[in-house]
C-alpha atoms as a PDB file:
ATOM      1  CA  MET A   1      49.362 -56.893  -6.601  1.00  0.00           C
ATOM      2  CA  MET A   2      46.488 -56.872  -9.173  1.00  0.00           C
ATOM      3  CA  MET A   3      44.304 -56.412  -6.466  1.00  0.00           C
ATOM      4  CA  HIS A   4      45.523 -53.534  -5.469  1.00  0.00           C
ATOM      5  CA  LYS A   5      45.477 -51.723  -8.849  1.00  0.00           C
ATOM      6  CA  LEU A   6      41.506 -53.047  -9.047  1.00  0.00           C
ATOM      7  CA  GLY A   7      40.798 -51.271  -5.655  1.00  0.00           C
ATOM      8  CA  LEU A   8      42.605 -47.707  -7.200  1.00  0.00           C
ATOM      9  CA  VAL A   9      40.334 -48.007 -10.052  1.00  0.00           C
ATOM     10  CA  ALA A  10      37.518 -48.781  -8.457  1.00  0.00           C
ATOM     11  CA  TRP A  11      38.205 -45.999  -5.695  1.00  0.00           C
ATOM     12  CA  LEU A  12      39.528 -43.124  -8.324  1.00  0.00           C
ATOM     13  CA  TRP A  13      35.976 -44.613 -10.520  1.00  0.00           C
ATOM     14  CA  LEU A  14      33.683 -43.681  -7.387  1.00  0.00           C
ATOM     15  CA  ALA A  15      35.528 -40.456  -6.731  1.00  0.00           C
ATOM     16  CA  ALA A  16      35.105 -39.025 -10.069  1.00  0.00           C
ATOM     17  CA  LEU A  17      31.509 -40.342  -9.975  1.00  0.00           C
ATOM     18  CA  GLN A  18      30.563 -38.976  -6.497  1.00  0.00           C
ATOM     19  CA  ALA A  19      31.943 -35.278  -7.994  1.00  0.00           C
ATOM     20  CA  LEU A  20      29.266 -35.201 -11.130  1.00  0.00           C
ATOM     21  CA  GLN A  21      26.642 -36.630  -8.463  1.00  0.00           C
ATOM     22  CA  ALA A  22      27.553 -33.978  -6.296  1.00  0.00           C
ATOM     23  CA  GLN A  23      26.648 -31.038  -9.187  1.00  0.00           C
ATOM     24  CA  THR A  24      22.864 -29.726  -8.802  1.00  0.00           C
ATOM     25  CA  PRO A  25      20.988 -30.839 -11.951  1.00  0.00           C
ATOM     26  CA  TRP A  26      19.040 -27.965 -13.202  1.00  0.00           C
ATOM     27  CA  HIS A  27      16.169 -28.995 -16.034  1.00  0.00           C
ATOM     28  CA  PRO A  28      15.682 -25.849 -18.310  1.00  0.00           C
ATOM     29  CA  THR A  29      12.299 -24.700 -18.393  1.00  0.00           C
ATOM     30  CA  GLN A  30      12.926 -21.646 -21.039  1.00  0.00           C
ATOM     31  CA  ALA A  31      15.587 -20.622 -23.352  1.00  0.00           C
ATOM     32  CA  SER A  32      16.570 -17.807 -25.597  1.00  0.00           C
ATOM     33  CA  VAL A  33      19.356 -18.242 -28.305  1.00  0.00           C
ATOM     34  CA  THR A  34      19.608 -15.436 -30.216  1.00  0.00           C
ATOM     35  CA  PHE A  35      21.748 -13.881 -32.890  1.00  0.00           C
ATOM     36  CA  THR A  36      22.877 -10.314 -33.919  1.00  0.00           C
ATOM     37  CA  ILE A  37      24.938 -10.189 -36.857  1.00  0.00           C
ATOM     38  CA  ASP A  38      26.144  -6.481 -38.855  1.00  0.00           C
ATOM     39  CA  LYS A  39      24.862  -6.571 -42.830  1.00  0.00           C
ATOM     40  CA  LEU A  40      25.207  -3.372 -45.415  1.00  0.00           C
ATOM     41  CA  GLY A  41      22.445  -1.133 -43.746  1.00  0.00           C
ATOM     42  CA  GLY A  42      22.232  -1.771 -40.854  1.00  0.00           C
ATOM     43  CA  THR A  43      21.945  -4.888 -37.830  1.00  0.00           C
ATOM     44  CA  ALA A  44      19.895  -8.799 -38.998  1.00  0.00           C
ATOM     45  CA  GLU A  45      18.873 -10.767 -35.934  1.00  0.00           C
ATOM     46  CA  GLY A  46      17.153 -13.818 -35.438  1.00  0.00           C
ATOM     47  CA  SER A  47      16.643 -16.490 -33.307  1.00  0.00           C
ATOM     48  CA  PHE A  48      16.723 -20.603 -32.370  1.00  0.00           C
ATOM     49  CA  ALA A  49      14.607 -22.588 -30.835  1.00  0.00           C
ATOM     50  CA  GLY A  50      14.160 -26.113 -30.436  1.00  0.00           C
ATOM     51  CA  PHE A  51      16.926 -26.015 -27.004  1.00  0.00           C
ATOM     52  CA  GLU A  52      17.883 -29.171 -25.405  1.00  0.00           C
ATOM     53  CA  GLY A  53      20.503 -29.115 -21.898  1.00  0.00           C
ATOM     54  CA  THR A  54      22.407 -30.936 -18.935  1.00  0.00           C
ATOM     55  CA  LEU A  55      22.911 -28.114 -16.652  1.00  0.00           C
ATOM     56  CA  LEU A  56      24.746 -29.388 -14.319  1.00  0.00           C
ATOM     57  CA  PHE A  57      25.957 -26.761 -12.043  1.00  0.00           C
ATOM     58  CA  ASP A  58      26.985 -26.041  -8.541  1.00  0.00           C
ATOM     59  CA  PRO A  59      28.488 -22.360  -8.237  1.00  0.00           C
ATOM     60  CA  ALA A  60      30.135 -23.306  -4.849  1.00  0.00           C
ATOM     61  CA  GLN A  61      32.055 -25.442  -7.481  1.00  0.00           C
ATOM     62  CA  PRO A  62      32.024 -24.494 -10.657  1.00  0.00           C
ATOM     63  CA  GLU A  63      34.943 -25.813 -11.699  1.00  0.00           C
ATOM     64  CA  ARG A  64      32.753 -29.686 -11.643  1.00  0.00           C
ATOM     65  CA  SER A  65      30.328 -28.720 -13.679  1.00  0.00           C
ATOM     66  CA  ARG A  66      29.469 -30.029 -16.822  1.00  0.00           C
ATOM     67  CA  LEU A  67      27.316 -27.663 -19.779  1.00  0.00           C
ATOM     68  CA  GLU A  68      26.054 -29.276 -22.490  1.00  0.00           C
ATOM     69  CA  ALA A  69      23.163 -27.303 -24.524  1.00  0.00           C
ATOM     70  CA  SER A  70      21.858 -27.549 -28.193  1.00  0.00           C
ATOM     71  CA  VAL A  71      19.683 -26.071 -30.472  1.00  0.00           C
ATOM     72  CA  GLN A  72      17.573 -27.014 -33.883  1.00  0.00           C
ATOM     73  CA  THR A  73      19.277 -25.520 -36.371  1.00  0.00           C
ATOM     74  CA  ALA A  74      15.923 -26.027 -38.624  1.00  0.00           C
ATOM     75  CA  THR A  75      14.310 -23.255 -36.042  1.00  0.00           C
ATOM     76  CA  LEU A  76      16.181 -20.375 -37.199  1.00  0.00           C
ATOM     77  CA  LYS A  77      13.611 -17.122 -38.030  1.00  0.00           C
ATOM     78  CA  THR A  78      15.150 -13.490 -38.766  1.00  0.00           C
ATOM     79  CA  GLY A  79      11.373 -12.331 -39.280  1.00  0.00           C
ATOM     80  CA  ILE A  80      11.709 -12.504 -42.668  1.00  0.00           C
ATOM     81  CA  ALA A  81      10.481 -15.621 -44.667  1.00  0.00           C
ATOM     82  CA  MET A  82      12.839 -15.448 -47.756  1.00  0.00           C
ATOM     83  CA  ARG A  83      15.652 -14.643 -45.713  1.00  0.00           C
ATOM     84  CA  ASP A  84      14.981 -17.555 -43.374  1.00  0.00           C
ATOM     85  CA  ARG A  85      14.837 -19.935 -45.688  1.00  0.00           C
ATOM     86  CA  HIS A  86      18.382 -18.983 -47.491  1.00  0.00           C
ATOM     87  CA  LEU A  87      19.927 -19.103 -44.017  1.00  0.00           C
ATOM     88  CA  ARG A  88      18.915 -22.573 -44.000  1.00  0.00           C
ATOM     89  CA  SER A  89      19.919 -24.201 -46.709  1.00  0.00           C
ATOM     90  CA  ASP A  90      23.474 -25.284 -47.802  1.00  0.00           C
ATOM     91  CA  ASP A  91      24.422 -22.044 -48.376  1.00  0.00           C
ATOM     92  CA  TYR A  92      24.379 -21.579 -45.030  1.00  0.00           C
ATOM     93  CA  PHE A  93      23.019 -23.420 -41.901  1.00  0.00           C
ATOM     94  CA  HIS A  94      22.469 -26.301 -44.123  1.00  0.00           C
ATOM     95  CA  ALA A  95      19.692 -27.617 -41.757  1.00  0.00           C
ATOM     96  CA  GLU A  96      18.698 -30.832 -43.189  1.00  0.00           C
ATOM     97  CA  ARG A  97      22.277 -31.970 -42.961  1.00  0.00           C
ATOM     98  CA  TYR A  98      23.265 -30.158 -39.899  1.00  0.00           C
ATOM     99  CA  PRO A  99      20.072 -30.125 -37.568  1.00  0.00           C
ATOM    100  CA  ARG A 100      21.248 -29.297 -34.531  1.00  0.00           C
ATOM    101  CA  ILE A 101      23.827 -26.625 -33.026  1.00  0.00           C
ATOM    102  CA  HIS A 102      25.833 -28.267 -29.997  1.00  0.00           C
ATOM    103  CA  MET A 103      27.756 -26.935 -27.392  1.00  0.00           C
ATOM    104  CA  VAL A 104      29.571 -28.724 -24.477  1.00  0.00           C
ATOM    105  CA  SER A 105      31.568 -27.539 -21.189  1.00  0.00           C
ATOM    106  CA  GLN A 106      35.235 -28.266 -21.299  1.00  0.00           C
ATOM    107  CA  SER A 107      35.524 -26.476 -17.949  1.00  0.00           C
ATOM    108  CA  VAL A 108      34.015 -23.875 -15.807  1.00  0.00           C
ATOM    109  CA  ARG A 109      35.953 -21.758 -13.069  1.00  0.00           C
ATOM    110  CA  ALA A 110      34.836 -18.121 -11.204  1.00  0.00           C
ATOM    111  CA  THR A 111      35.411 -14.401 -12.164  1.00  0.00           C
ATOM    112  CA  PRO A 112      34.946 -11.018 -10.493  1.00  0.00           C
ATOM    113  CA  ALA A 113      32.128 -10.992 -12.959  1.00  0.00           C
ATOM    114  CA  GLY A 114      30.410 -14.087 -12.960  1.00  0.00           C
ATOM    115  CA  TYR A 115      31.677 -17.242 -15.082  1.00  0.00           C
ATOM    116  CA  GLU A 116      33.745 -18.488 -17.677  1.00  0.00           C
ATOM    117  CA  GLY A 117      33.110 -21.697 -20.241  1.00  0.00           C
ATOM    118  CA  ARG A 118      35.401 -23.008 -22.551  1.00  0.00           C
ATOM    119  CA  PHE A 119      33.123 -24.717 -24.916  1.00  0.00           C
ATOM    120  CA  LEU A 120      33.283 -27.066 -27.454  1.00  0.00           C
ATOM    121  CA  LEU A 121      30.962 -25.348 -30.263  1.00  0.00           C
ATOM    122  CA  THR A 122      29.853 -27.838 -33.240  1.00  0.00           C
ATOM    123  CA  LEU A 123      27.975 -25.802 -36.571  1.00  0.00           C
ATOM    124  CA  LYS A 124      28.055 -27.631 -39.370  1.00  0.00           C
ATOM    125  CA  ASN A 125      29.553 -30.720 -38.341  1.00  0.00           C
ATOM    126  CA  VAL A 126      32.704 -28.092 -37.525  1.00  0.00           C
ATOM    127  CA  THR A 127      33.956 -28.021 -33.813  1.00  0.00           C
ATOM    128  CA  ARG A 128      35.611 -25.242 -32.448  1.00  0.00           C
ATOM    129  CA  PRO A 129      36.712 -24.358 -28.625  1.00  0.00           C
ATOM    130  CA  VAL A 130      34.907 -20.519 -27.623  1.00  0.00           C
ATOM    131  CA  THR A 131      34.853 -19.291 -24.698  1.00  0.00           C
ATOM    132  CA  MET A 132      31.826 -17.429 -22.853  1.00  0.00           C
ATOM    133  CA  PRO A 133      31.288 -15.587 -20.197  1.00  0.00           C
ATOM    134  CA  PHE A 134      28.593 -15.992 -18.169  1.00  0.00           C
ATOM    135  CA  THR A 135      26.123 -15.425 -14.788  1.00  0.00           C
ATOM    136  CA  PHE A 136      24.373 -17.611 -12.678  1.00  0.00           C
ATOM    137  CA  THR A 137      21.411 -15.788 -10.838  1.00  0.00           C
ATOM    138  CA  PRO A 138      19.380 -16.517  -8.625  1.00  0.00           C
ATOM    139  CA  GLN A 139      15.234 -16.237  -9.319  1.00  0.00           C
ATOM    140  CA  PRO A 140      12.134 -16.266  -7.735  1.00  0.00           C
ATOM    141  CA  GLY A 141      10.296 -19.254  -6.639  1.00  0.00           C
ATOM    142  CA  GLY A 142      13.971 -21.643  -6.765  1.00  0.00           C
ATOM    143  CA  LYS A 143      14.555 -21.218  -9.838  1.00  0.00           C
ATOM    144  CA  VAL A 144      18.115 -19.549 -11.755  1.00  0.00           C
ATOM    145  CA  ARG A 145      18.676 -17.776 -14.970  1.00  0.00           C
ATOM    146  CA  PHE A 146      21.837 -19.022 -17.260  1.00  0.00           C
ATOM    147  CA  ALA A 147      23.058 -16.138 -19.190  1.00  0.00           C
ATOM    148  CA  GLY A 148      25.243 -15.314 -21.835  1.00  0.00           C
ATOM    149  CA  SER A 149      26.951 -14.239 -24.810  1.00  0.00           C
ATOM    150  CA  LEU A 150      29.862 -14.967 -27.048  1.00  0.00           C
ATOM    151  CA  THR A 151      31.162 -13.590 -30.145  1.00  0.00           C
ATOM    152  CA  ILE A 152      32.416 -15.836 -33.053  1.00  0.00           C
ATOM    153  CA  ASN A 153      33.497 -15.659 -37.110  1.00  0.00           C
ATOM    154  CA  ARG A 154      30.349 -17.261 -38.626  1.00  0.00           C
ATOM    155  CA  ARG A 155      33.274 -18.450 -41.785  1.00  0.00           C
ATOM    156  CA  ASP A 156      35.233 -21.173 -39.212  1.00  0.00           C
ATOM    157  CA  PHE A 157      32.407 -22.732 -39.261  1.00  0.00           C
ATOM    158  CA  GLY A 158      31.848 -22.627 -43.091  1.00  0.00           C
ATOM    159  CA  VAL A 159      28.884 -20.239 -43.036  1.00  0.00           C
ATOM    160  CA  GLY A 160      27.991 -18.829 -45.859  1.00  0.00           C
ATOM    161  CA  PRO A 161      30.105 -17.132 -48.334  1.00  0.00           C
ATOM    162  CA  LYS A 162      32.866 -14.349 -48.101  1.00  0.00           C
ATOM    163  CA  THR A 163      30.640 -11.097 -49.263  1.00  0.00           C
ATOM    164  CA  PHE A 164      31.198  -7.524 -48.431  1.00  0.00           C
ATOM    165  CA  MET A 165      27.500  -7.246 -47.750  1.00  0.00           C
ATOM    166  CA  LEU A 166      27.807  -9.546 -44.718  1.00  0.00           C
ATOM    167  CA  GLU A 167      30.137  -8.592 -41.323  1.00  0.00           C
ATOM    168  CA  ASP A 168      32.217 -12.294 -40.571  1.00  0.00           C
ATOM    169  CA  GLU A 169      31.359 -11.539 -36.609  1.00  0.00           C
ATOM    170  CA  VAL A 170      28.296 -13.214 -35.407  1.00  0.00           C
ATOM    171  CA  ARG A 171      27.112 -12.346 -31.661  1.00  0.00           C
ATOM    172  CA  LEU A 172      25.866 -14.777 -30.009  1.00  0.00           C
ATOM    173  CA  LYS A 173      23.318 -14.482 -27.047  1.00  0.00           C
ATOM    174  CA  LEU A 174      21.685 -17.199 -24.686  1.00  0.00           C
ATOM    175  CA  VAL A 175      19.833 -17.088 -21.968  1.00  0.00           C
ATOM    176  CA  VAL A 176      18.305 -20.110 -19.785  1.00  0.00           C
ATOM    177  CA  ASP A 177      16.023 -20.332 -16.750  1.00  0.00           C
ATOM    178  CA  ALA A 178      16.211 -24.255 -14.640  1.00  0.00           C
ATOM    179  CA  GLN A 179      14.915 -25.288 -11.971  1.00  0.00           C
ATOM    180  CA  PRO A 180      16.335 -27.768  -9.765  1.00  0.00           C
END
């Protein structure tokens, strides 16, 4: 009976391993991670660099995908050096203490417009579930482009104080070019 149980466990483990191996590993070649937030008197835009990602994705079987990505918090840029320093400080992103913003998929499914991923987003050591619709588009030379966007509430992650000068909602956009 014990051998039967061990055989079943081994079979389940191999089946799970094969399912993951069936996914195409896409290697990021270029990435753009940008944000937009409304503020008193206009809109502020910025970006993050230092993208790292593991992209296991097959458009025919999106439910088996594993998408994981992160950016370096200290690379935040808005085009105004004094504002960038303030946003990297402990008042906002606390880049020294929390060097990366991280996202990992929990599930992925096909939709009429492309795909939808449910992710866990970790920012300043706070993890929250988010949903991001995205597209997967073939590019010349066998490359592909993952592109998606979502809106988060910065205060849910402890980013900055409540203020009338700055809205709470932040729009994030991710574009990742990759090759097999």
